[in-house]
Amino acid sequence: MKKFIVTGALHGFLAVALGAFGAHALKEVLDDYSRGIWETAVQYQMFQATAILIIGLLMSSKILGEVKQLNLAGIFFNLGIVFFSGSLYVLAISGVKVLGAITPIGGVLFLTGWVLIIVAALKHAR
């Protein structure tokens, strides 16, 4: 579906931009620990952005079509990026460690999205 192709591409774009921003503009601002947090956020954002793109392509093709589980997976990946990567970006810059408590919510959303893709494939693949 078009919305997942667009949001996946947007998240991919932002992952590249934020990765470059972290490597260059924040080079002197972040310590090694915070830089590692920033890089983790970028990596997971790009992984899930790719998954969102694939969901959009699967939904627009005749492979799986518009399957409820794929739609939910795309939503969960989008929300997961906000909770997981978003909390890590803010944590890396602010150093407010309580934000680390939000990150696992995003991780659970990611895991749920992957399980939903498996379910969609098992239930609806021809």
N, C-alpha and C. Protein backbone atom coordinates (compact mmCIF):
# COMPACT_ATOMS: atom_id res chain seq x y z
N MET A 1 0.84 -1.17 0.00
CA MET A 1 0.00 0.00 0.00
C MET A 1 0.89 1.24 0.00
N LYS A 2 0.41 2.27 -0.67
CA LYS A 2 1.20 3.48 -0.88
C LYS A 2 1.65 4.11 0.44
N LYS A 3 0.80 4.09 1.46
CA LYS A 3 1.17 4.76 2.71
C LYS A 3 2.42 4.13 3.34
N PHE A 4 2.60 2.82 3.18
CA PHE A 4 3.78 2.18 3.76
C PHE A 4 5.01 2.39 2.90
N ILE A 5 4.84 2.49 1.60
CA ILE A 5 5.99 2.81 0.74
C ILE A 5 6.48 4.21 1.08
N VAL A 6 5.55 5.13 1.26
CA VAL A 6 5.93 6.52 1.59
C VAL A 6 6.55 6.61 2.98
N THR A 7 5.91 6.01 3.98
CA THR A 7 6.48 6.13 5.34
C THR A 7 7.79 5.36 5.46
N GLY A 8 7.89 4.22 4.78
CA GLY A 8 9.16 3.47 4.80
C GLY A 8 10.28 4.29 4.18
N ALA A 9 10.00 4.92 3.04
CA ALA A 9 11.01 5.76 2.39
C ALA A 9 11.35 6.97 3.25
N LEU A 10 10.36 7.55 3.89
CA LEU A 10 10.60 8.69 4.77
C LEU A 10 11.49 8.30 5.95
N HIS A 11 11.19 7.16 6.57
CA HIS A 11 12.03 6.70 7.67
C HIS A 11 13.44 6.36 7.20
N GLY A 12 13.56 5.79 6.01
CA GLY A 12 14.89 5.51 5.45
C GLY A 12 15.67 6.79 5.22
N PHE A 13 15.01 7.78 4.64
CA PHE A 13 15.62 9.09 4.42
C PHE A 13 16.10 9.70 5.73
N LEU A 14 15.22 9.66 6.73
CA LEU A 14 15.57 10.24 8.03
C LEU A 14 16.70 9.47 8.70
N ALA A 15 16.73 8.16 8.52
CA ALA A 15 17.81 7.36 9.11
C ALA A 15 19.16 7.77 8.51
N VAL A 16 19.20 7.96 7.21
CA VAL A 16 20.45 8.39 6.57
C VAL A 16 20.82 9.80 7.05
N ALA A 17 19.84 10.70 7.07
CA ALA A 17 20.11 12.08 7.49
C ALA A 17 20.55 12.13 8.96
N LEU A 18 19.86 11.39 9.82
CA LEU A 18 20.23 11.40 11.24
C LEU A 18 21.56 10.68 11.48
N GLY A 19 21.86 9.67 10.69
CA GLY A 19 23.15 9.01 10.79
C GLY A 19 24.28 9.97 10.44
N ALA A 20 24.10 10.71 9.37
CA ALA A 20 25.11 11.71 8.97
C ALA A 20 25.21 12.83 10.00
N PHE A 21 24.07 13.26 10.50
CA PHE A 21 24.05 14.32 11.52
C PHE A 21 24.82 13.87 12.76
N GLY A 22 24.56 12.64 13.18
CA GLY A 22 25.26 12.12 14.36
C GLY A 22 26.75 11.98 14.13
N ALA A 23 27.14 11.55 12.94
CA ALA A 23 28.57 11.34 12.64
C ALA A 23 29.33 12.64 12.47
N HIS A 24 28.64 13.69 12.03
CA HIS A 24 29.35 14.94 11.75
C HIS A 24 29.01 16.06 12.72
N ALA A 25 27.76 16.46 12.77
CA ALA A 25 27.37 17.61 13.60
C ALA A 25 27.47 17.30 15.09
N LEU A 26 27.24 16.04 15.47
CA LEU A 26 27.28 15.69 16.89
C LEU A 26 28.61 15.04 17.30
N LYS A 27 29.54 15.00 16.37
CA LYS A 27 30.83 14.33 16.61
C LYS A 27 31.50 14.82 17.90
N GLU A 28 31.49 16.11 18.10
CA GLU A 28 32.15 16.69 19.28
C GLU A 28 31.21 16.81 20.48
N VAL A 29 29.93 16.56 20.27
CA VAL A 29 28.93 16.72 21.33
C VAL A 29 28.71 15.43 22.10
N LEU A 30 28.64 14.31 21.37
CA LEU A 30 28.34 13.02 21.99
C LEU A 30 29.61 12.31 22.44
N ASP A 31 29.56 11.71 23.62
CA ASP A 31 30.66 10.86 24.04
C ASP A 31 30.50 9.50 23.37
N ASP A 32 31.44 8.60 23.60
CA ASP A 32 31.39 7.29 22.94
C ASP A 32 30.11 6.52 23.27
N TYR A 33 29.69 6.56 24.52
CA TYR A 33 28.48 5.87 24.95
C TYR A 33 27.27 6.41 24.21
N SER A 34 27.11 7.72 24.19
CA SER A 34 25.97 8.36 23.53
C SER A 34 26.02 8.15 22.02
N ARG A 35 27.21 8.15 21.46
CA ARG A 35 27.35 7.90 20.02
C ARG A 35 26.87 6.48 19.68
N GLY A 36 27.18 5.53 20.54
CA GLY A 36 26.71 4.16 20.34
C GLY A 36 25.19 4.07 20.39
N ILE A 37 24.59 4.81 21.31
CA ILE A 37 23.13 4.85 21.41
C ILE A 37 22.54 5.43 20.12
N TRP A 38 23.13 6.54 19.66
CA TRP A 38 22.66 7.19 18.43
C TRP A 38 22.75 6.23 17.24
N GLU A 39 23.87 5.53 17.13
CA GLU A 39 24.07 4.59 16.02
C GLU A 39 23.07 3.43 16.07
N THR A 40 22.76 2.96 17.28
CA THR A 40 21.76 1.90 17.43
C THR A 40 20.41 2.39 16.95
N ALA A 41 20.05 3.62 17.31
CA ALA A 41 18.77 4.20 16.87
C ALA A 41 18.71 4.27 15.35
N VAL A 42 19.79 4.71 14.73
CA VAL A 42 19.84 4.82 13.27
C VAL A 42 19.71 3.45 12.62
N GLN A 43 20.45 2.47 13.14
CA GLN A 43 20.40 1.12 12.56
C GLN A 43 19.00 0.53 12.62
N TYR A 44 18.38 0.59 13.78
CA TYR A 44 17.05 0.00 13.91
C TYR A 44 16.02 0.77 13.10
N GLN A 45 16.18 2.07 12.98
CA GLN A 45 15.26 2.84 12.14
C GLN A 45 15.39 2.38 10.69
N MET A 46 16.61 2.17 10.22
CA MET A 46 16.80 1.75 8.83
C MET A 46 16.29 0.32 8.60
N PHE A 47 16.52 -0.57 9.57
CA PHE A 47 16.01 -1.94 9.42
C PHE A 47 14.49 -1.94 9.28
N GLN A 48 13.83 -1.21 10.16
CA GLN A 48 12.38 -1.19 10.14
C GLN A 48 11.85 -0.41 8.95
N ALA A 49 12.56 0.63 8.51
CA ALA A 49 12.15 1.36 7.31
C ALA A 49 12.13 0.42 6.11
N THR A 50 13.13 -0.44 6.02
CA THR A 50 13.17 -1.42 4.94
C THR A 50 12.00 -2.38 5.04
N ALA A 51 11.70 -2.81 6.25
CA ALA A 51 10.56 -3.71 6.46
C ALA A 51 9.25 -3.03 6.05
N ILE A 52 9.10 -1.77 6.38
CA ILE A 52 7.88 -1.03 6.02
C ILE A 52 7.76 -0.93 4.50
N LEU A 53 8.87 -0.66 3.84
CA LEU A 53 8.85 -0.63 2.37
C LEU A 53 8.42 -1.97 1.79
N ILE A 54 8.97 -3.04 2.33
CA ILE A 54 8.62 -4.38 1.85
C ILE A 54 7.14 -4.66 2.07
N ILE A 55 6.62 -4.25 3.22
CA ILE A 55 5.18 -4.42 3.48
C ILE A 55 4.37 -3.69 2.42
N GLY A 56 4.75 -2.46 2.14
CA GLY A 56 4.04 -1.69 1.11
C GLY A 56 4.09 -2.38 -0.24
N LEU A 57 5.23 -2.92 -0.59
CA LEU A 57 5.35 -3.63 -1.87
C LEU A 57 4.54 -4.91 -1.88
N LEU A 58 4.57 -5.66 -0.78
CA LEU A 58 3.78 -6.89 -0.69
C LEU A 58 2.29 -6.59 -0.81
N MET A 59 1.87 -5.52 -0.16
CA MET A 59 0.44 -5.19 -0.18
C MET A 59 -0.01 -4.68 -1.55
N SER A 60 0.90 -4.07 -2.30
CA SER A 60 0.52 -3.55 -3.61
C SER A 60 0.72 -4.59 -4.71
N SER A 61 1.32 -5.72 -4.37
CA SER A 61 1.51 -6.78 -5.35
C SER A 61 0.43 -7.85 -5.18
N LYS A 62 0.54 -8.86 -5.95
CA LYS A 62 -0.42 -9.96 -5.82
C LYS A 62 0.15 -11.07 -4.94
N ILE A 63 1.32 -10.83 -4.34
CA ILE A 63 1.93 -11.87 -3.50
C ILE A 63 1.07 -12.13 -2.27
N LEU A 64 0.81 -11.10 -1.49
CA LEU A 64 -0.05 -11.25 -0.32
C LEU A 64 -1.25 -10.32 -0.37
N GLY A 65 -1.15 -9.26 -1.15
CA GLY A 65 -2.27 -8.33 -1.23
C GLY A 65 -2.48 -7.57 0.06
N GLU A 66 -3.65 -6.98 0.19
CA GLU A 66 -3.97 -6.22 1.40
C GLU A 66 -4.45 -7.17 2.48
N VAL A 67 -3.55 -7.56 3.32
CA VAL A 67 -3.83 -8.49 4.40
C VAL A 67 -3.81 -7.71 5.71
N LYS A 68 -4.80 -7.96 6.56
CA LYS A 68 -4.93 -7.25 7.83
C LYS A 68 -3.63 -7.29 8.64
N GLN A 69 -2.98 -8.46 8.69
CA GLN A 69 -1.76 -8.61 9.48
C GLN A 69 -0.64 -7.72 8.94
N LEU A 70 -0.55 -7.59 7.63
CA LEU A 70 0.48 -6.72 7.06
C LEU A 70 0.21 -5.26 7.39
N ASN A 71 -1.03 -4.87 7.33
CA ASN A 71 -1.39 -3.49 7.69
C ASN A 71 -1.00 -3.20 9.14
N LEU A 72 -1.33 -4.12 10.03
CA LEU A 72 -0.97 -3.95 11.44
C LEU A 72 0.55 -3.94 11.62
N ALA A 73 1.25 -4.81 10.90
CA ALA A 73 2.71 -4.84 11.01
C ALA A 73 3.30 -3.50 10.60
N GLY A 74 2.80 -2.92 9.52
CA GLY A 74 3.30 -1.61 9.09
C GLY A 74 3.05 -0.54 10.12
N ILE A 75 1.89 -0.57 10.73
CA ILE A 75 1.57 0.40 11.79
C ILE A 75 2.50 0.19 12.98
N PHE A 76 2.69 -1.06 13.38
CA PHE A 76 3.55 -1.35 14.53
C PHE A 76 5.00 -0.94 14.27
N PHE A 77 5.49 -1.18 13.04
CA PHE A 77 6.86 -0.76 12.73
C PHE A 77 7.00 0.76 12.78
N ASN A 78 6.01 1.47 12.26
CA ASN A 78 6.06 2.94 12.31
C ASN A 78 6.07 3.43 13.76
N LEU A 79 5.18 2.88 14.57
CA LEU A 79 5.15 3.27 15.98
C LEU A 79 6.42 2.83 16.70
N GLY A 80 6.92 1.66 16.36
CA GLY A 80 8.14 1.16 16.97
C GLY A 80 9.32 2.08 16.73
N ILE A 81 9.41 2.63 15.53
CA ILE A 81 10.50 3.57 15.22
C ILE A 81 10.39 4.79 16.12
N VAL A 82 9.17 5.29 16.29
CA VAL A 82 8.98 6.48 17.14
C VAL A 82 9.41 6.17 18.57
N PHE A 83 8.93 5.04 19.12
CA PHE A 83 9.25 4.71 20.51
C PHE A 83 10.70 4.28 20.68
N PHE A 84 11.18 3.36 19.84
CA PHE A 84 12.52 2.80 20.01
C PHE A 84 13.58 3.82 19.59
N SER A 85 13.62 4.14 18.31
CA SER A 85 14.66 5.05 17.83
C SER A 85 14.48 6.45 18.40
N GLY A 86 13.23 6.91 18.45
CA GLY A 86 12.99 8.25 18.98
C GLY A 86 13.49 8.43 20.40
N SER A 87 13.19 7.44 21.25
CA SER A 87 13.66 7.55 22.64
C SER A 87 15.18 7.48 22.72
N LEU A 88 15.79 6.68 21.85
CA LEU A 88 17.26 6.60 21.86
C LEU A 88 17.91 7.88 21.36
N TYR A 89 17.34 8.52 20.35
CA TYR A 89 17.88 9.81 19.88
C TYR A 89 17.85 10.83 21.01
N VAL A 90 16.71 10.92 21.68
CA VAL A 90 16.57 11.90 22.77
C VAL A 90 17.50 11.53 23.93
N LEU A 91 17.60 10.25 24.25
CA LEU A 91 18.50 9.79 25.30
C LEU A 91 19.95 10.15 24.98
N ALA A 92 20.38 9.92 23.75
CA ALA A 92 21.76 10.20 23.36
C ALA A 92 22.10 11.68 23.52
N ILE A 93 21.16 12.53 23.15
CA ILE A 93 21.41 13.98 23.22
C ILE A 93 21.25 14.51 24.63
N SER A 94 20.22 14.05 25.33
CA SER A 94 19.90 14.64 26.64
C SER A 94 20.61 13.96 27.81
N GLY A 95 20.88 12.68 27.65
CA GLY A 95 21.47 11.93 28.77
C GLY A 95 20.46 11.56 29.84
N VAL A 96 19.17 11.84 29.62
CA VAL A 96 18.13 11.51 30.59
C VAL A 96 17.85 10.02 30.50
N LYS A 97 18.37 9.27 31.46
CA LYS A 97 18.35 7.82 31.39
C LYS A 97 16.96 7.21 31.54
N VAL A 98 16.03 7.93 32.13
CA VAL A 98 14.67 7.40 32.29
C VAL A 98 14.02 7.15 30.92
N LEU A 99 14.50 7.82 29.89
CA LEU A 99 13.98 7.61 28.54
C LEU A 99 14.26 6.19 28.05
N GLY A 100 15.26 5.56 28.63
CA GLY A 100 15.56 4.18 28.29
C GLY A 100 14.42 3.23 28.62
N ALA A 101 13.52 3.64 29.51
CA ALA A 101 12.36 2.82 29.86
C ALA A 101 11.33 2.79 28.73
N ILE A 102 11.36 3.77 27.84
CA ILE A 102 10.42 3.83 26.71
C ILE A 102 10.88 2.92 25.57
N THR A 103 12.18 2.77 25.44
CA THR A 103 12.76 2.02 24.32
C THR A 103 12.19 0.61 24.17
N PRO A 104 12.04 -0.17 25.25
CA PRO A 104 11.50 -1.53 25.08
C PRO A 104 10.09 -1.58 24.49
N ILE A 105 9.31 -0.53 24.67
CA ILE A 105 7.98 -0.49 24.04
C ILE A 105 8.14 -0.58 22.53
N GLY A 106 9.09 0.18 22.01
CA GLY A 106 9.37 0.11 20.58
C GLY A 106 9.87 -1.25 20.16
N GLY A 107 10.71 -1.86 20.99
CA GLY A 107 11.20 -3.20 20.69
C GLY A 107 10.09 -4.22 20.60
N VAL A 108 9.14 -4.13 21.52
CA VAL A 108 7.99 -5.05 21.49
C VAL A 108 7.15 -4.80 20.23
N LEU A 109 6.97 -3.54 19.86
CA LEU A 109 6.25 -3.23 18.62
C LEU A 109 6.96 -3.82 17.41
N PHE A 110 8.29 -3.72 17.37
CA PHE A 110 9.05 -4.32 16.28
C PHE A 110 8.84 -5.83 16.23
N LEU A 111 8.99 -6.49 17.37
CA LEU A 111 8.83 -7.94 17.42
C LEU A 111 7.42 -8.35 16.98
N THR A 112 6.42 -7.62 17.43
CA THR A 112 5.05 -7.92 17.05
C THR A 112 4.86 -7.76 15.53
N GLY A 113 5.46 -6.72 14.98
CA GLY A 113 5.38 -6.51 13.53
C GLY A 113 5.97 -7.68 12.76
N TRP A 114 7.11 -8.18 13.20
CA TRP A 114 7.73 -9.33 12.52
C TRP A 114 6.86 -10.57 12.64
N VAL A 115 6.27 -10.79 13.81
CA VAL A 115 5.39 -11.95 13.98
C VAL A 115 4.17 -11.81 13.06
N LEU A 116 3.64 -10.62 12.93
CA LEU A 116 2.49 -10.41 12.05
C LEU A 116 2.83 -10.70 10.59
N ILE A 117 4.04 -10.39 10.17
CA ILE A 117 4.46 -10.73 8.80
C ILE A 117 4.49 -12.25 8.63
N ILE A 118 5.01 -12.94 9.62
CA ILE A 118 5.04 -14.41 9.57
C ILE A 118 3.62 -14.96 9.47
N VAL A 119 2.73 -14.45 10.31
CA VAL A 119 1.34 -14.91 10.31
C VAL A 119 0.69 -14.64 8.95
N ALA A 120 0.91 -13.45 8.41
CA ALA A 120 0.34 -13.11 7.10
C ALA A 120 0.83 -14.07 6.03
N ALA A 121 2.11 -14.36 6.05
CA ALA A 121 2.67 -15.26 5.04
C ALA A 121 2.11 -16.68 5.18
N LEU A 122 2.00 -17.15 6.40
CA LEU A 122 1.49 -18.51 6.62
C LEU A 122 0.00 -18.64 6.30
N LYS A 123 -0.76 -17.60 6.58
CA LYS A 123 -2.20 -17.66 6.39
C LYS A 123 -2.64 -17.34 4.96
N HIS A 124 -1.90 -16.48 4.28
CA HIS A 124 -2.43 -15.93 3.04
C HIS A 124 -1.57 -16.17 1.80
N ALA A 125 -0.39 -16.74 1.94
CA ALA A 125 0.45 -16.97 0.75
C ALA A 125 -0.19 -18.04 -0.12
N ARG A 126 -0.08 -17.83 -1.40
CA ARG A 126 -0.66 -18.80 -2.33
C ARG A 126 0.38 -19.78 -2.77
